[in-house]
Amino acid sequence: MLEELVLRFLIGGVTVSAFAVIGDLLKPKSFAGLFGAAPSVALAALALAIVTKGSAYAAVESRSMMAGAVAFFLYTAAACWVMMRRNSSALVTAAALIPLWFAAALILWFTVLG
């Protein structure tokens, strides 16, 4: 257990740092946050899954991550559309559309992973 935590810490730290450097080199600087977060954490999780559980497990994890990313895109696109058309607050819109994200993720997960 401790070995896995140390490995997770090292892999996560290296990938987050690498993506933060890449994001810092790009303009606008707001990309630094994008590159420092989701991609680096996903790659760290996949690397750890490969090391600890094998490539077949990591393949399922990566397909799940892709389904979640598509569902998140649908959620954010719907939130943008609603806020532009209805002039509603971000908090109300984001909270109201969470079931859309959940439903899209479940549908994609069952479709992709069968």
PDB file of N, CA and C in Angstrom:
ATOM      1  N   MET A   1       0.818  -1.193   0.000  1.00  0.00           N
ATOM      2  CA  MET A   1       0.000   0.000   0.000  1.00  0.00           C
ATOM      3  C   MET A   1       0.867   1.264   0.000  1.00  0.00           C
ATOM      4  N   LEU A   2       1.866   1.285   0.861  1.00  0.00           N
ATOM      5  CA  LEU A   2       2.747   2.447   0.937  1.00  0.00           C
ATOM      6  C   LEU A   2       3.542   2.603  -0.357  1.00  0.00           C
ATOM      7  N   GLU A   3       3.963   1.469  -0.919  1.00  0.00           N
ATOM      8  CA  GLU A   3       4.718   1.513  -2.175  1.00  0.00           C
ATOM      9  C   GLU A   3       3.878   2.126  -3.294  1.00  0.00           C
ATOM     10  N   GLU A   4       2.607   1.784  -3.352  1.00  0.00           N
ATOM     11  CA  GLU A   4       1.730   2.334  -4.386  1.00  0.00           C
ATOM     12  C   GLU A   4       1.513   3.828  -4.172  1.00  0.00           C
ATOM     13  N   LEU A   5       1.386   4.262  -2.932  1.00  0.00           N
ATOM     14  CA  LEU A   5       1.226   5.686  -2.657  1.00  0.00           C
ATOM     15  C   LEU A   5       2.460   6.487  -3.063  1.00  0.00           C
ATOM     16  N   VAL A   6       3.640   5.944  -2.771  1.00  0.00           N
ATOM     17  CA  VAL A   6       4.880   6.620  -3.163  1.00  0.00           C
ATOM     18  C   VAL A   6       4.990   6.678  -4.679  1.00  0.00           C
ATOM     19  N   LEU A   7       4.657   5.566  -5.343  1.00  0.00           N
ATOM     20  CA  LEU A   7       4.694   5.528  -6.805  1.00  0.00           C
ATOM     21  C   LEU A   7       3.704   6.517  -7.398  1.00  0.00           C
ATOM     22  N   ARG A   8       2.508   6.574  -6.834  1.00  0.00           N
ATOM     23  CA  ARG A   8       1.490   7.527  -7.301  1.00  0.00           C
ATOM     24  C   ARG A   8       1.988   8.967  -7.118  1.00  0.00           C
ATOM     25  N   PHE A   9       2.608   9.240  -5.987  1.00  0.00           N
ATOM     26  CA  PHE A   9       3.141  10.568  -5.720  1.00  0.00           C
ATOM     27  C   PHE A   9       4.224  10.943  -6.733  1.00  0.00           C
ATOM     28  N   LEU A  10       5.137  10.026  -6.995  1.00  0.00           N
ATOM     29  CA  LEU A  10       6.237  10.320  -7.924  1.00  0.00           C
ATOM     30  C   LEU A  10       5.742  10.503  -9.350  1.00  0.00           C
ATOM     31  N   ILE A  11       4.921   9.581  -9.827  1.00  0.00           N
ATOM     32  CA  ILE A  11       4.404   9.686 -11.197  1.00  0.00           C
ATOM     33  C   ILE A  11       3.556  10.936 -11.351  1.00  0.00           C
ATOM     34  N   GLY A  12       2.681  11.173 -10.386  1.00  0.00           N
ATOM     35  CA  GLY A  12       1.830  12.362 -10.445  1.00  0.00           C
ATOM     36  C   GLY A  12       2.631  13.644 -10.414  1.00  0.00           C
ATOM     37  N   GLY A  13       3.622  13.705  -9.541  1.00  0.00           N
ATOM     38  CA  GLY A  13       4.442  14.910  -9.449  1.00  0.00           C
ATOM     39  C   GLY A  13       5.213  15.200 -10.715  1.00  0.00           C
ATOM     40  N   VAL A  14       5.790  14.164 -11.293  1.00  0.00           N
ATOM     41  CA  VAL A  14       6.565  14.355 -12.521  1.00  0.00           C
ATOM     42  C   VAL A  14       5.665  14.797 -13.673  1.00  0.00           C
ATOM     43  N   THR A  15       4.519  14.145 -13.846  1.00  0.00           N
ATOM     44  CA  THR A  15       3.651  14.506 -14.978  1.00  0.00           C
ATOM     45  C   THR A  15       3.019  15.881 -14.786  1.00  0.00           C
ATOM     46  N   VAL A  16       2.581  16.195 -13.576  1.00  0.00           N
ATOM     47  CA  VAL A  16       2.012  17.526 -13.335  1.00  0.00           C
ATOM     48  C   VAL A  16       3.067  18.600 -13.591  1.00  0.00           C
ATOM     49  N   SER A  17       4.281  18.366 -13.131  1.00  0.00           N
ATOM     50  CA  SER A  17       5.359  19.340 -13.347  1.00  0.00           C
ATOM     51  C   SER A  17       5.672  19.500 -14.832  1.00  0.00           C
ATOM     52  N   ALA A  18       5.729  18.388 -15.555  1.00  0.00           N
ATOM     53  CA  ALA A  18       6.018  18.459 -16.994  1.00  0.00           C
ATOM     54  C   ALA A  18       4.924  19.225 -17.732  1.00  0.00           C
ATOM     55  N   PHE A  19       3.670  18.933 -17.424  1.00  0.00           N
ATOM     56  CA  PHE A  19       2.588  19.647 -18.094  1.00  0.00           C
ATOM     57  C   PHE A  19       2.521  21.109 -17.668  1.00  0.00           C
ATOM     58  N   ALA A  20       2.896  21.416 -16.435  1.00  0.00           N
ATOM     59  CA  ALA A  20       2.928  22.812 -15.999  1.00  0.00           C
ATOM     60  C   ALA A  20       3.984  23.589 -16.770  1.00  0.00           C
ATOM     61  N   VAL A  21       5.131  22.964 -17.032  1.00  0.00           N
ATOM     62  CA  VAL A  21       6.181  23.619 -17.825  1.00  0.00           C
ATOM     63  C   VAL A  21       5.683  23.850 -19.252  1.00  0.00           C
ATOM     64  N   ILE A  22       5.042  22.841 -19.839  1.00  0.00           N
ATOM     65  CA  ILE A  22       4.496  23.002 -21.197  1.00  0.00           C
ATOM     66  C   ILE A  22       3.465  24.125 -21.216  1.00  0.00           C
ATOM     67  N   GLY A  23       2.576  24.123 -20.235  1.00  0.00           N
ATOM     68  CA  GLY A  23       1.558  25.160 -20.171  1.00  0.00           C
ATOM     69  C   GLY A  23       2.146  26.537 -19.959  1.00  0.00           C
ATOM     70  N   ASP A  24       3.246  26.634 -19.229  1.00  0.00           N
ATOM     71  CA  ASP A  24       3.891  27.920 -18.986  1.00  0.00           C
ATOM     72  C   ASP A  24       4.544  28.472 -20.250  1.00  0.00           C
ATOM     73  N   LEU A  25       4.936  27.580 -21.146  1.00  0.00           N
ATOM     74  CA  LEU A  25       5.563  28.018 -22.389  1.00  0.00           C
ATOM     75  C   LEU A  25       4.541  28.531 -23.399  1.00  0.00           C
ATOM     76  N   LEU A  26       3.294  28.128 -23.255  1.00  0.00           N
ATOM     77  CA  LEU A  26       2.255  28.518 -24.205  1.00  0.00           C
ATOM     78  C   LEU A  26       1.632  29.852 -23.818  1.00  0.00           C
ATOM     79  N   LYS A  27       1.024  30.477 -24.791  1.00  0.00           N
ATOM     80  CA  LYS A  27       0.288  31.711 -24.539  1.00  0.00           C
ATOM     81  C   LYS A  27      -1.142  31.483 -24.974  1.00  0.00           C
ATOM     82  N   PRO A  28      -2.154  31.929 -24.326  1.00  0.00           N
ATOM     83  CA  PRO A  28      -2.167  32.684 -23.085  1.00  0.00           C
ATOM     84  C   PRO A  28      -1.805  31.807 -21.891  1.00  0.00           C
ATOM     85  N   LYS A  29      -1.457  32.464 -20.816  1.00  0.00           N
ATOM     86  CA  LYS A  29      -1.003  31.756 -19.618  1.00  0.00           C
ATOM     87  C   LYS A  29      -2.122  30.930 -18.979  1.00  0.00           C
ATOM     88  N   SER A  30      -3.363  31.150 -19.369  1.00  0.00           N
ATOM     89  CA  SER A  30      -4.464  30.363 -18.808  1.00  0.00           C
ATOM     90  C   SER A  30      -4.358  28.898 -19.223  1.00  0.00           C
ATOM     91  N   PHE A  31      -3.586  28.602 -20.271  1.00  0.00           N
ATOM     92  CA  PHE A  31      -3.374  27.212 -20.664  1.00  0.00           C
ATOM     93  C   PHE A  31      -2.597  26.426 -19.611  1.00  0.00           C
ATOM     94  N   ALA A  32      -1.827  27.122 -18.797  1.00  0.00           N
ATOM     95  CA  ALA A  32      -1.026  26.435 -17.781  1.00  0.00           C
ATOM     96  C   ALA A  32      -1.908  25.638 -16.843  1.00  0.00           C
ATOM     97  N   GLY A  33      -3.032  26.198 -16.454  1.00  0.00           N
ATOM     98  CA  GLY A  33      -3.962  25.477 -15.582  1.00  0.00           C
ATOM     99  C   GLY A  33      -4.578  24.275 -16.262  1.00  0.00           C
ATOM    100  N   LEU A  34      -4.909  24.441 -17.528  1.00  0.00           N
ATOM    101  CA  LEU A  34      -5.492  23.318 -18.280  1.00  0.00           C
ATOM    102  C   LEU A  34      -4.510  22.173 -18.415  1.00  0.00           C
ATOM    103  N   PHE A  35      -3.270  22.503 -18.751  1.00  0.00           N
ATOM    104  CA  PHE A  35      -2.274  21.459 -18.949  1.00  0.00           C
ATOM    105  C   PHE A  35      -1.764  20.889 -17.633  1.00  0.00           C
ATOM    106  N   GLY A  36      -1.887  21.631 -16.560  1.00  0.00           N
ATOM    107  CA  GLY A  36      -1.407  21.145 -15.273  1.00  0.00           C
ATOM    108  C   GLY A  36      -2.388  20.247 -14.561  1.00  0.00           C
ATOM    109  N   ALA A  37      -3.620  20.198 -15.023  1.00  0.00           N
ATOM    110  CA  ALA A  37      -4.649  19.474 -14.280  1.00  0.00           C
ATOM    111  C   ALA A  37      -4.993  18.131 -14.911  1.00  0.00           C
ATOM    112  N   ALA A  38      -6.039  18.099 -15.670  1.00  0.00           N
ATOM    113  CA  ALA A  38      -6.622  16.841 -16.133  1.00  0.00           C
ATOM    114  C   ALA A  38      -5.682  15.945 -16.936  1.00  0.00           C
ATOM    115  N   PRO A  39      -4.986  16.452 -17.951  1.00  0.00           N
ATOM    116  CA  PRO A  39      -4.139  15.529 -18.722  1.00  0.00           C
ATOM    117  C   PRO A  39      -3.041  14.888 -17.891  1.00  0.00           C
ATOM    118  N   SER A  40      -2.432  15.673 -17.032  1.00  0.00           N
ATOM    119  CA  SER A  40      -1.327  15.118 -16.249  1.00  0.00           C
ATOM    120  C   SER A  40      -1.818  14.118 -15.220  1.00  0.00           C
ATOM    121  N   VAL A  41      -2.937  14.384 -14.596  1.00  0.00           N
ATOM    122  CA  VAL A  41      -3.490  13.452 -13.613  1.00  0.00           C
ATOM    123  C   VAL A  41      -3.951  12.172 -14.310  1.00  0.00           C
ATOM    124  N   ALA A  42      -4.557  12.311 -15.482  1.00  0.00           N
ATOM    125  CA  ALA A  42      -4.998  11.128 -16.220  1.00  0.00           C
ATOM    126  C   ALA A  42      -3.811  10.264 -16.643  1.00  0.00           C
ATOM    127  N   LEU A  43      -2.751  10.901 -17.138  1.00  0.00           N
ATOM    128  CA  LEU A  43      -1.578  10.127 -17.537  1.00  0.00           C
ATOM    129  C   LEU A  43      -0.903   9.460 -16.342  1.00  0.00           C
ATOM    130  N   ALA A  44      -0.884  10.149 -15.214  1.00  0.00           N
ATOM    131  CA  ALA A  44      -0.303   9.554 -14.005  1.00  0.00           C
ATOM    132  C   ALA A  44      -1.127   8.349 -13.561  1.00  0.00           C
ATOM    133  N   ALA A  45      -2.443   8.482 -13.606  1.00  0.00           N
ATOM    134  CA  ALA A  45      -3.306   7.369 -13.221  1.00  0.00           C
ATOM    135  C   ALA A  45      -3.133   6.184 -14.171  1.00  0.00           C
ATOM    136  N   LEU A  46      -3.021   6.465 -15.466  1.00  0.00           N
ATOM    137  CA  LEU A  46      -2.826   5.378 -16.435  1.00  0.00           C
ATOM    138  C   LEU A  46      -1.462   4.716 -16.263  1.00  0.00           C
ATOM    139  N   ALA A  47      -0.439   5.495 -16.022  1.00  0.00           N
ATOM    140  CA  ALA A  47       0.889   4.918 -15.798  1.00  0.00           C
ATOM    141  C   ALA A  47       0.879   4.024 -14.570  1.00  0.00           C
ATOM    142  N   LEU A  48       0.250   4.476 -13.518  1.00  0.00           N
ATOM    143  CA  LEU A  48       0.157   3.673 -12.304  1.00  0.00           C
ATOM    144  C   LEU A  48      -0.669   2.411 -12.542  1.00  0.00           C
ATOM    145  N   ALA A  49      -1.742   2.530 -13.320  1.00  0.00           N
ATOM    146  CA  ALA A  49      -2.567   1.357 -13.627  1.00  0.00           C
ATOM    147  C   ALA A  49      -1.774   0.330 -14.429  1.00  0.00           C
ATOM    148  N   ILE A  50      -0.968   0.791 -15.364  1.00  0.00           N
ATOM    149  CA  ILE A  50      -0.144  -0.135 -16.157  1.00  0.00           C
ATOM    150  C   ILE A  50       0.859  -0.840 -15.268  1.00  0.00           C
ATOM    151  N   VAL A  51       1.512  -0.086 -14.392  1.00  0.00           N
ATOM    152  CA  VAL A  51       2.548  -0.656 -13.530  1.00  0.00           C
ATOM    153  C   VAL A  51       1.960  -1.641 -12.525  1.00  0.00           C
ATOM    154  N   THR A  52       0.824  -1.284 -11.933  1.00  0.00           N
ATOM    155  CA  THR A  52       0.290  -2.116 -10.852  1.00  0.00           C
ATOM    156  C   THR A  52      -0.690  -3.187 -11.309  1.00  0.00           C
ATOM    157  N   LYS A  53      -1.472  -2.905 -12.373  1.00  0.00           N
ATOM    158  CA  LYS A  53      -2.541  -3.842 -12.736  1.00  0.00           C
ATOM    159  C   LYS A  53      -2.473  -4.355 -14.169  1.00  0.00           C
ATOM    160  N   GLY A  54      -1.563  -3.843 -14.961  1.00  0.00           N
ATOM    161  CA  GLY A  54      -1.392  -4.342 -16.319  1.00  0.00           C
ATOM    162  C   GLY A  54      -2.064  -3.479 -17.371  1.00  0.00           C
ATOM    163  N   SER A  55      -1.720  -3.773 -18.617  1.00  0.00           N
ATOM    164  CA  SER A  55      -2.197  -2.946 -19.726  1.00  0.00           C
ATOM    165  C   SER A  55      -3.676  -3.143 -20.026  1.00  0.00           C
ATOM    166  N   ALA A  56      -4.221  -4.333 -19.784  1.00  0.00           N
ATOM    167  CA  ALA A  56      -5.651  -4.554 -20.045  1.00  0.00           C
ATOM    168  C   ALA A  56      -6.501  -3.678 -19.121  1.00  0.00           C
ATOM    169  N   TYR A  57      -6.121  -3.602 -17.868  1.00  0.00           N
ATOM    170  CA  TYR A  57      -6.833  -2.753 -16.910  1.00  0.00           C
ATOM    171  C   TYR A  57      -6.703  -1.288 -17.313  1.00  0.00           C
ATOM    172  N   ALA A  58      -5.515  -0.885 -17.722  1.00  0.00           N
ATOM    173  CA  ALA A  58      -5.280   0.503 -18.134  1.00  0.00           C
ATOM    174  C   ALA A  58      -6.091   0.849 -19.381  1.00  0.00           C
ATOM    175  N   ALA A  59      -6.292  -0.124 -20.264  1.00  0.00           N
ATOM    176  CA  ALA A  59      -7.100   0.129 -21.457  1.00  0.00           C
ATOM    177  C   ALA A  59      -8.550   0.432 -21.081  1.00  0.00           C
ATOM    178  N   VAL A  60      -9.082  -0.299 -20.134  1.00  0.00           N
ATOM    179  CA  VAL A  60     -10.445  -0.035 -19.658  1.00  0.00           C
ATOM    180  C   VAL A  60     -10.512   1.335 -18.994  1.00  0.00           C
ATOM    181  N   GLU A  61      -9.489   1.654 -18.202  1.00  0.00           N
ATOM    182  CA  GLU A  61      -9.426   2.962 -17.549  1.00  0.00           C
ATOM    183  C   GLU A  61      -9.392   4.088 -18.578  1.00  0.00           C
ATOM    184  N   SER A  62      -8.597   3.921 -19.627  1.00  0.00           N
ATOM    185  CA  SER A  62      -8.484   4.987 -20.623  1.00  0.00           C
ATOM    186  C   SER A  62      -9.783   5.173 -21.392  1.00  0.00           C
ATOM    187  N   ARG A  63     -10.471   4.077 -21.707  1.00  0.00           N
ATOM    188  CA  ARG A  63     -11.770   4.206 -22.373  1.00  0.00           C
ATOM    189  C   ARG A  63     -12.772   4.897 -21.460  1.00  0.00           C
ATOM    190  N   SER A  64     -12.713   4.594 -20.181  1.00  0.00           N
ATOM    191  CA  SER A  64     -13.603   5.256 -19.225  1.00  0.00           C
ATOM    192  C   SER A  64     -13.303   6.748 -19.142  1.00  0.00           C
ATOM    193  N   MET A  65     -12.026   7.105 -19.173  1.00  0.00           N
ATOM    194  CA  MET A  65     -11.641   8.515 -19.129  1.00  0.00           C
ATOM    195  C   MET A  65     -12.131   9.254 -20.375  1.00  0.00           C
ATOM    196  N   MET A  66     -12.041   8.604 -21.523  1.00  0.00           N
ATOM    197  CA  MET A  66     -12.508   9.237 -22.748  1.00  0.00           C
ATOM    198  C   MET A  66     -14.020   9.434 -22.731  1.00  0.00           C
ATOM    199  N   ALA A  67     -14.747   8.448 -22.230  1.00  0.00           N
ATOM    200  CA  ALA A  67     -16.202   8.594 -22.117  1.00  0.00           C
ATOM    201  C   ALA A  67     -16.543   9.732 -21.163  1.00  0.00           C
ATOM    202  N   GLY A  68     -15.818   9.828 -20.056  1.00  0.00           N
ATOM    203  CA  GLY A  68     -16.047  10.922 -19.117  1.00  0.00           C
ATOM    204  C   GLY A  68     -15.730  12.280 -19.723  1.00  0.00           C
ATOM    205  N   ALA A  69     -14.699  12.343 -20.543  1.00  0.00           N
ATOM    206  CA  ALA A  69     -14.333  13.605 -21.192  1.00  0.00           C
ATOM    207  C   ALA A  69     -15.406  14.046 -22.188  1.00  0.00           C
ATOM    208  N   VAL A  70     -15.938  13.104 -22.956  1.00  0.00           N
ATOM    209  CA  VAL A  70     -17.012  13.438 -23.903  1.00  0.00           C
ATOM    210  C   VAL A  70     -18.248  13.902 -23.137  1.00  0.00           C
ATOM    211  N   ALA A  71     -18.583  13.205 -22.055  1.00  0.00           N
ATOM    212  CA  ALA A  71     -19.733  13.603 -21.238  1.00  0.00           C
ATOM    213  C   ALA A  71     -19.516  14.996 -20.647  1.00  0.00           C
ATOM    214  N   PHE A  72     -18.299  15.284 -20.212  1.00  0.00           N
ATOM    215  CA  PHE A  72     -17.995  16.610 -19.667  1.00  0.00           C
ATOM    216  C   PHE A  72     -18.125  17.678 -20.741  1.00  0.00           C
ATOM    217  N   PHE A  73     -17.687  17.368 -21.964  1.00  0.00           N
ATOM    218  CA  PHE A  73     -17.843  18.318 -23.064  1.00  0.00           C
ATOM    219  C   PHE A  73     -19.317  18.617 -23.309  1.00  0.00           C
ATOM    220  N   LEU A  74     -20.149  17.581 -23.324  1.00  0.00           N
ATOM    221  CA  LEU A  74     -21.587  17.792 -23.522  1.00  0.00           C
ATOM    222  C   LEU A  74     -22.167  18.653 -22.404  1.00  0.00           C
ATOM    223  N   TYR A  75     -21.756  18.385 -21.188  1.00  0.00           N
ATOM    224  CA  TYR A  75     -22.209  19.156 -20.023  1.00  0.00           C
ATOM    225  C   TYR A  75     -21.816  20.629 -20.148  1.00  0.00           C
ATOM    226  N   THR A  76     -20.555  20.889 -20.481  1.00  0.00           N
ATOM    227  CA  THR A  76     -20.104  22.277 -20.567  1.00  0.00           C
ATOM    228  C   THR A  76     -20.722  23.000 -21.761  1.00  0.00           C
ATOM    229  N   ALA A  77     -20.915  22.293 -22.873  1.00  0.00           N
ATOM    230  CA  ALA A  77     -21.563  22.910 -24.029  1.00  0.00           C
ATOM    231  C   ALA A  77     -23.009  23.277 -23.694  1.00  0.00           C
ATOM    232  N   ALA A  78     -23.695  22.375 -23.005  1.00  0.00           N
ATOM    233  CA  ALA A  78     -25.075  22.662 -22.606  1.00  0.00           C
ATOM    234  C   ALA A  78     -25.126  23.817 -21.608  1.00  0.00           C
ATOM    235  N   ALA A  79     -24.180  23.849 -20.669  1.00  0.00           N
ATOM    236  CA  ALA A  79     -24.151  24.935 -19.690  1.00  0.00           C
ATOM    237  C   ALA A  79     -23.904  26.281 -20.375  1.00  0.00           C
ATOM    238  N   CYS A  80     -22.982  26.321 -21.320  1.00  0.00           N
ATOM    239  CA  CYS A  80     -22.730  27.565 -22.063  1.00  0.00           C
ATOM    240  C   CYS A  80     -23.965  28.001 -22.829  1.00  0.00           C
ATOM    241  N   TRP A  81     -24.612  27.055 -23.493  1.00  0.00           N
ATOM    242  CA  TRP A  81     -25.795  27.367 -24.278  1.00  0.00           C
ATOM    243  C   TRP A  81     -26.906  27.921 -23.389  1.00  0.00           C
ATOM    244  N   VAL A  82     -27.155  27.268 -22.257  1.00  0.00           N
ATOM    245  CA  VAL A  82     -28.220  27.713 -21.350  1.00  0.00           C
ATOM    246  C   VAL A  82     -27.908  29.093 -20.789  1.00  0.00           C
ATOM    247  N   MET A  83     -26.672  29.328 -20.380  1.00  0.00           N
ATOM    248  CA  MET A  83     -26.337  30.626 -19.785  1.00  0.00           C
ATOM    249  C   MET A  83     -26.395  31.758 -20.810  1.00  0.00           C
ATOM    250  N   MET A  84     -26.081  31.466 -22.060  1.00  0.00           N
ATOM    251  CA  MET A  84     -26.163  32.509 -23.086  1.00  0.00           C
ATOM    252  C   MET A  84     -27.612  32.783 -23.483  1.00  0.00           C
ATOM    253  N   ARG A  85     -28.446  31.764 -23.521  1.00  0.00           N
ATOM    254  CA  ARG A  85     -29.827  31.917 -23.982  1.00  0.00           C
ATOM    255  C   ARG A  85     -30.777  32.380 -22.874  1.00  0.00           C
ATOM    256  N   ARG A  86     -30.582  31.876 -21.677  1.00  0.00           N
ATOM    257  CA  ARG A  86     -31.524  32.128 -20.582  1.00  0.00           C
ATOM    258  C   ARG A  86     -31.045  33.172 -19.593  1.00  0.00           C
ATOM    259  N   ASN A  87     -29.795  33.568 -19.693  1.00  0.00           N
ATOM    260  CA  ASN A  87     -29.232  34.552 -18.777  1.00  0.00           C
ATOM    261  C   ASN A  87     -29.371  34.107 -17.315  1.00  0.00           C
ATOM    262  N   SER A  88     -29.137  32.821 -17.067  1.00  0.00           N
ATOM    263  CA  SER A  88     -29.224  32.295 -15.701  1.00  0.00           C
ATOM    264  C   SER A  88     -27.832  32.297 -15.059  1.00  0.00           C
ATOM    265  N   SER A  89     -27.830  32.132 -13.756  1.00  0.00           N
ATOM    266  CA  SER A  89     -26.554  32.162 -13.047  1.00  0.00           C
ATOM    267  C   SER A  89     -25.758  30.882 -13.301  1.00  0.00           C
ATOM    268  N   ALA A  90     -24.465  30.994 -13.154  1.00  0.00           N
ATOM    269  CA  ALA A  90     -23.593  29.839 -13.389  1.00  0.00           C
ATOM    270  C   ALA A  90     -23.849  28.744 -12.366  1.00  0.00           C
ATOM    271  N   LEU A  91     -24.074  29.107 -11.116  1.00  0.00           N
ATOM    272  CA  LEU A  91     -24.303  28.117 -10.068  1.00  0.00           C
ATOM    273  C   LEU A  91     -25.575  27.318 -10.327  1.00  0.00           C
ATOM    274  N   VAL A  92     -26.649  27.985 -10.650  1.00  0.00           N
ATOM    275  CA  VAL A  92     -27.924  27.300 -10.907  1.00  0.00           C
ATOM    276  C   VAL A  92     -27.813  26.425 -12.145  1.00  0.00           C
ATOM    277  N   THR A  93     -27.221  26.951 -13.197  1.00  0.00           N
ATOM    278  CA  THR A  93     -27.082  26.191 -14.439  1.00  0.00           C
ATOM    279  C   THR A  93     -26.197  24.970 -14.246  1.00  0.00           C
ATOM    280  N   ALA A  94     -25.056  25.159 -13.599  1.00  0.00           N
ATOM    281  CA  ALA A  94     -24.132  24.042 -13.381  1.00  0.00           C
ATOM    282  C   ALA A  94     -24.783  22.956 -12.537  1.00  0.00           C
ATOM    283  N   ALA A  95     -25.468  23.351 -11.490  1.00  0.00           N
ATOM    284  CA  ALA A  95     -26.119  22.361 -10.623  1.00  0.00           C
ATOM    285  C   ALA A  95     -27.259  21.653 -11.345  1.00  0.00           C
ATOM    286  N   ALA A  96     -28.022  22.377 -12.125  1.00  0.00           N
ATOM    287  CA  ALA A  96     -29.166  21.779 -12.818  1.00  0.00           C
ATOM    288  C   ALA A  96     -28.743  20.807 -13.908  1.00  0.00           C
ATOM    289  N   LEU A  97     -27.568  21.020 -14.490  1.00  0.00           N
ATOM    290  CA  LEU A  97     -27.134  20.171 -15.596  1.00  0.00           C
ATOM    291  C   LEU A  97     -26.259  18.988 -15.171  1.00  0.00           C
ATOM    292  N   ILE A  98     -25.956  18.848 -13.903  1.00  0.00           N
ATOM    293  CA  ILE A  98     -25.160  17.705 -13.453  1.00  0.00           C
ATOM    294  C   ILE A  98     -25.811  16.373 -13.834  1.00  0.00           C
ATOM    295  N   PRO A  99     -27.151  16.234 -13.741  1.00  0.00           N
ATOM    296  CA  PRO A  99     -27.744  14.969 -14.208  1.00  0.00           C
ATOM    297  C   PRO A  99     -27.472  14.667 -15.683  1.00  0.00           C
ATOM    298  N   LEU A 100     -27.340  15.715 -16.513  1.00  0.00           N
ATOM    299  CA  LEU A 100     -26.992  15.500 -17.920  1.00  0.00           C
ATOM    300  C   LEU A 100     -25.606  14.887 -18.033  1.00  0.00           C
ATOM    301  N   TRP A 101     -24.662  15.405 -17.294  1.00  0.00           N
ATOM    302  CA  TRP A 101     -23.301  14.870 -17.304  1.00  0.00           C
ATOM    303  C   TRP A 101     -23.302  13.416 -16.849  1.00  0.00           C
ATOM    304  N   PHE A 102     -23.999  13.138 -15.770  1.00  0.00           N
ATOM    305  CA  PHE A 102     -24.068  11.781 -15.239  1.00  0.00           C
ATOM    306  C   PHE A 102     -24.715  10.826 -16.242  1.00  0.00           C
ATOM    307  N   ALA A 103     -25.822  11.233 -16.838  1.00  0.00           N
ATOM    308  CA  ALA A 103     -26.513  10.378 -17.816  1.00  0.00           C
ATOM    309  C   ALA A 103     -25.649  10.138 -19.049  1.00  0.00           C
ATOM    310  N   ALA A 104     -25.019  11.186 -19.546  1.00  0.00           N
ATOM    311  CA  ALA A 104     -24.156  11.032 -20.724  1.00  0.00           C
ATOM    312  C   ALA A 104     -22.984  10.111 -20.420  1.00  0.00           C
ATOM    313  N   ALA A 105     -22.391  10.258 -19.245  1.00  0.00           N
ATOM    314  CA  ALA A 105     -21.262   9.400 -18.870  1.00  0.00           C
ATOM    315  C   ALA A 105     -21.703   7.944 -18.755  1.00  0.00           C
ATOM    316  N   LEU A 106     -22.855   7.703 -18.150  1.00  0.00           N
ATOM    317  CA  LEU A 106     -23.351   6.325 -18.027  1.00  0.00           C
ATOM    318  C   LEU A 106     -23.663   5.710 -19.386  1.00  0.00           C
ATOM    319  N   ILE A 107     -24.332   6.480 -20.229  1.00  0.00           N
ATOM    320  CA  ILE A 107     -24.672   5.961 -21.571  1.00  0.00           C
ATOM    321  C   ILE A 107     -23.403   5.656 -22.354  1.00  0.00           C
ATOM    322  N   LEU A 108     -22.456   6.577 -22.342  1.00  0.00           N
ATOM    323  CA  LEU A 108     -21.196   6.334 -23.057  1.00  0.00           C
ATOM    324  C   LEU A 108     -20.415   5.180 -22.452  1.00  0.00           C
ATOM    325  N   TRP A 109     -20.396   5.091 -21.141  1.00  0.00           N
ATOM    326  CA  TRP A 109     -19.652   4.017 -20.474  1.00  0.00           C
ATOM    327  C   TRP A 109     -20.224   2.658 -20.859  1.00  0.00           C
ATOM    328  N   PHE A 110     -21.553   2.533 -20.800  1.00  0.00           N
ATOM    329  CA  PHE A 110     -22.151   1.249 -21.157  1.00  0.00           C
ATOM    330  C   PHE A 110     -22.029   0.962 -22.643  1.00  0.00           C
ATOM    331  N   THR A 111     -22.025   2.019 -23.469  1.00  0.00           N
ATOM    332  CA  THR A 111     -21.871   1.831 -24.907  1.00  0.00           C
ATOM    333  C   THR A 111     -20.444   1.425 -25.268  1.00  0.00           C
ATOM    334  N   VAL A 112     -19.485   2.119 -24.693  1.00  0.00           N
ATOM    335  CA  VAL A 112     -18.078   1.870 -25.014  1.00  0.00           C
ATOM    336  C   VAL A 112     -17.576   0.591 -24.380  1.00  0.00           C
ATOM    337  N   LEU A 113     -17.932   0.389 -23.127  1.00  0.00           N
ATOM    338  CA  LEU A 113     -17.404  -0.776 -22.400  1.00  0.00           C
ATOM    339  C   LEU A 113     -18.304  -1.986 -22.471  1.00  0.00           C
ATOM    340  N   GLY A 114     -19.494  -1.811 -23.025  1.00  0.00           N
ATOM    341  CA  GLY A 114     -20.412  -2.927 -23.253  1.00  0.00           C
ATOM    342  C   GLY A 114     -20.861  -3.560 -22.003  1.00  0.00           C
TER     343      GLY A 114
END
